[in-house]
Amino acid sequence: MKKLNSIISAFALCTFLAGCGDPKTDPKPMDSKEPAKVEEGEEHAHEHEEVALGTFDVAGISVEALQGHGNVEASKEGHLVIKLPYKDDGETVVRAWIGGEDRTLSAVGKGEYAPSHDDYDIHAVAPDPLAAEAKWWLEIEKPDGTKSVGSFPLLKDIEK
């Protein structure tokens, strides 16, 4: 019985500590590899150079794609900017990952809508090891719940 009480107490303490802090006001540690969050209504600018990947068909949806943060490397964050062929004011959910369709070892990034550019910024960490045939994979979930998934090449050899 004492063991059960200790487990319950430890769980309650962990739950309390996890709930402490306000993510809107608590600063992110300087060494954090997580991208900064954009608060609702807040604008952001593309603060780094992006390379156009082209226009691609993702299950019948023609999307423009740009890649930022330089070369895609294993265990490093990649940046993708997606422009949809329609204006939806951020109602569509856009997710991307680097690797294979099955998402094995991939970190999936959710797009943040940028009203000033009418596009979605997505940050995703490349898997390690990064397969030679790795691609950007994109999932587009429309407000009505329909999903489209497709892929396109990523740039691994951007000239600096």
Protein backbone atom coordinates (compact mmCIF):
# COMPACT_ATOMS: atom_id res chain seq x y z
CA MET A 1 0.00 0.00 0.00
CA LYS A 2 2.89 2.37 0.81
CA LYS A 3 4.34 1.69 -2.62
CA LEU A 4 1.04 2.60 -4.30
CA ASN A 5 0.80 5.84 -2.29
CA SER A 6 4.38 6.74 -3.28
CA ILE A 7 3.61 6.14 -6.95
CA ILE A 8 0.42 8.22 -6.80
CA SER A 9 2.25 11.05 -4.98
CA ALA A 10 5.09 11.01 -7.51
CA PHE A 11 2.62 11.07 -10.41
CA ALA A 12 0.70 13.98 -8.88
CA LEU A 13 3.93 15.94 -8.36
CA CYS A 14 5.03 15.32 -11.97
CA THR A 15 1.63 16.39 -13.26
CA PHE A 16 1.74 19.57 -11.18
CA LEU A 17 5.28 20.45 -12.31
CA ALA A 18 4.45 19.79 -15.97
CA GLY A 19 1.52 22.18 -15.73
CA CYS A 20 3.55 25.02 -14.21
CA GLY A 21 4.50 27.97 -16.35
CA ASP A 22 2.76 29.80 -19.14
CA PRO A 23 4.12 29.03 -22.63
CA LYS A 24 2.96 32.47 -23.81
CA THR A 25 5.10 34.32 -21.24
CA ASP A 26 7.89 31.90 -20.33
CA PRO A 27 10.96 32.54 -22.49
CA LYS A 28 12.38 29.67 -24.49
CA PRO A 29 15.90 28.61 -23.45
CA MET A 30 18.61 30.05 -25.66
CA ASP A 31 19.88 26.58 -26.56
CA SER A 32 16.45 25.32 -27.61
CA LYS A 33 16.33 23.73 -31.05
CA GLU A 34 12.56 24.17 -31.19
CA PRO A 35 11.32 26.88 -33.57
CA ALA A 36 9.74 29.97 -32.09
CA LYS A 37 5.96 29.91 -31.91
CA VAL A 38 3.97 32.67 -33.56
CA GLU A 39 1.14 33.90 -31.36
CA GLU A 40 -2.30 34.30 -32.89
CA GLY A 41 -2.54 37.56 -34.79
CA GLU A 42 1.22 38.05 -34.71
CA GLU A 43 3.01 38.53 -38.02
CA HIS A 44 6.39 37.08 -38.81
CA ALA A 45 8.84 37.67 -41.59
CA HIS A 46 10.89 35.16 -43.51
CA GLU A 47 14.19 36.07 -41.86
CA HIS A 48 16.41 33.79 -43.90
CA GLU A 49 17.08 33.03 -47.51
CA GLU A 50 14.79 30.51 -49.14
CA VAL A 51 15.39 28.51 -52.29
CA ALA A 52 12.46 27.74 -54.60
CA LEU A 53 11.94 24.01 -54.99
CA GLY A 54 9.19 24.47 -57.58
CA THR A 55 5.50 23.78 -57.94
CA PHE A 56 4.35 20.25 -57.17
CA ASP A 57 1.15 18.24 -57.39
CA VAL A 58 0.14 16.83 -54.01
CA ALA A 59 -2.79 14.53 -54.73
CA GLY A 60 -4.41 17.03 -57.08
CA ILE A 61 -3.39 20.19 -55.21
CA SER A 62 -0.74 22.34 -56.89
CA VAL A 63 1.58 23.73 -54.19
CA GLU A 64 4.58 26.04 -54.39
CA ALA A 65 7.47 24.99 -52.15
CA LEU A 66 10.55 26.83 -50.91
CA GLN A 67 13.28 25.48 -48.64
CA GLY A 68 15.14 27.53 -46.06
CA HIS A 69 17.92 26.97 -43.49
CA GLY A 70 20.36 25.78 -46.17
CA ASN A 71 21.15 22.15 -46.82
CA VAL A 72 19.05 19.38 -45.32
CA GLU A 73 21.32 17.36 -43.04
CA ALA A 74 20.73 14.43 -40.70
CA SER A 75 19.48 15.52 -37.25
CA LYS A 76 19.25 19.16 -38.36
CA GLU A 77 16.14 21.29 -38.69
CA GLY A 78 14.86 21.91 -42.18
CA HIS A 79 12.52 24.73 -43.13
CA LEU A 80 9.79 24.50 -45.72
CA VAL A 81 7.47 27.25 -46.95
CA ILE A 82 4.27 26.10 -48.66
CA LYS A 83 1.96 28.28 -50.73
CA LEU A 84 -1.43 26.72 -51.43
CA PRO A 85 -3.32 27.51 -54.67
CA TYR A 86 -6.23 28.99 -52.71
CA LYS A 87 -6.60 31.56 -49.94
CA ASP A 88 -7.90 29.96 -46.76
CA ASP A 89 -6.68 32.34 -44.04
CA GLY A 90 -4.91 29.49 -42.25
CA GLU A 91 -7.88 27.12 -42.04
CA THR A 92 -5.99 24.26 -43.69
CA VAL A 93 -3.64 22.14 -41.57
CA VAL A 94 -0.34 21.54 -43.32
CA ARG A 95 2.22 19.04 -41.99
CA ALA A 96 5.60 18.07 -43.40
CA TRP A 97 8.42 15.69 -42.66
CA ILE A 98 11.73 14.66 -44.19
CA GLY A 99 12.32 11.02 -45.07
CA GLY A 100 9.92 8.37 -46.34
CA GLU A 101 6.16 8.20 -46.64
CA ASP A 102 5.88 5.98 -43.54
CA ARG A 103 7.46 8.74 -41.36
CA THR A 104 9.90 6.28 -39.77
CA LEU A 105 12.46 8.22 -37.70
CA SER A 106 10.94 11.46 -39.01
CA ALA A 107 9.80 14.41 -36.93
CA VAL A 108 6.59 15.86 -38.34
CA GLY A 109 6.29 19.64 -38.32
CA LYS A 110 2.96 21.48 -38.37
CA GLY A 111 2.74 24.56 -40.55
CA GLU A 112 2.20 28.00 -39.06
CA TYR A 113 0.13 30.25 -41.27
CA ALA A 114 1.73 33.60 -42.14
CA PRO A 115 -1.04 36.04 -43.15
CA SER A 116 1.46 38.60 -44.44
CA HIS A 117 2.73 36.07 -47.00
CA ASP A 118 -0.40 33.88 -47.29
CA ASP A 119 1.75 30.78 -46.85
CA TYR A 120 2.69 28.18 -44.26
CA ASP A 121 6.07 27.90 -42.51
CA ILE A 122 7.01 24.40 -41.43
CA HIS A 123 10.06 23.27 -39.47
CA ALA A 124 10.99 19.59 -39.36
CA VAL A 125 14.09 17.76 -38.15
CA ALA A 126 15.69 15.37 -40.62
CA PRO A 127 16.13 11.77 -39.47
CA ASP A 128 19.56 10.32 -38.69
CA PRO A 129 20.64 8.59 -40.80
CA LEU A 130 19.26 10.61 -43.70
CA ALA A 131 18.57 8.21 -46.57
CA ALA A 132 19.80 9.19 -50.03
CA GLU A 133 16.23 8.86 -51.35
CA ALA A 134 14.73 11.04 -48.59
CA LYS A 135 12.15 13.61 -49.71
CA TRP A 136 9.95 16.31 -48.30
CA TRP A 137 6.55 14.78 -47.56
CA LEU A 138 3.53 17.02 -47.26
CA GLU A 139 0.11 16.32 -45.76
CA ILE A 140 -2.65 18.84 -46.47
CA GLU A 141 -5.77 18.55 -44.34
CA LYS A 142 -8.56 20.79 -45.58
CA PRO A 143 -11.18 22.24 -43.20
CA ASP A 144 -13.68 19.60 -44.38
CA GLY A 145 -11.31 16.86 -43.11
CA THR A 146 -10.06 15.57 -46.47
CA LYS A 147 -6.35 14.80 -46.54
CA SER A 148 -3.90 14.83 -49.42
CA VAL A 149 -0.36 13.46 -49.14
CA GLY A 150 2.48 13.82 -51.59
CA SER A 151 6.22 14.30 -51.83
CA PHE A 152 8.84 16.29 -53.68
CA PRO A 153 12.63 16.44 -53.72
CA LEU A 154 14.54 18.22 -50.99
CA LEU A 155 17.67 20.19 -51.55
CA LYS A 156 20.69 18.57 -49.95
CA ASP A 157 23.32 20.44 -51.92
CA ILE A 158 22.39 24.11 -51.79
CA GLU A 159 25.38 26.18 -52.85
CA LYS A 160 26.46 28.64 -50.21
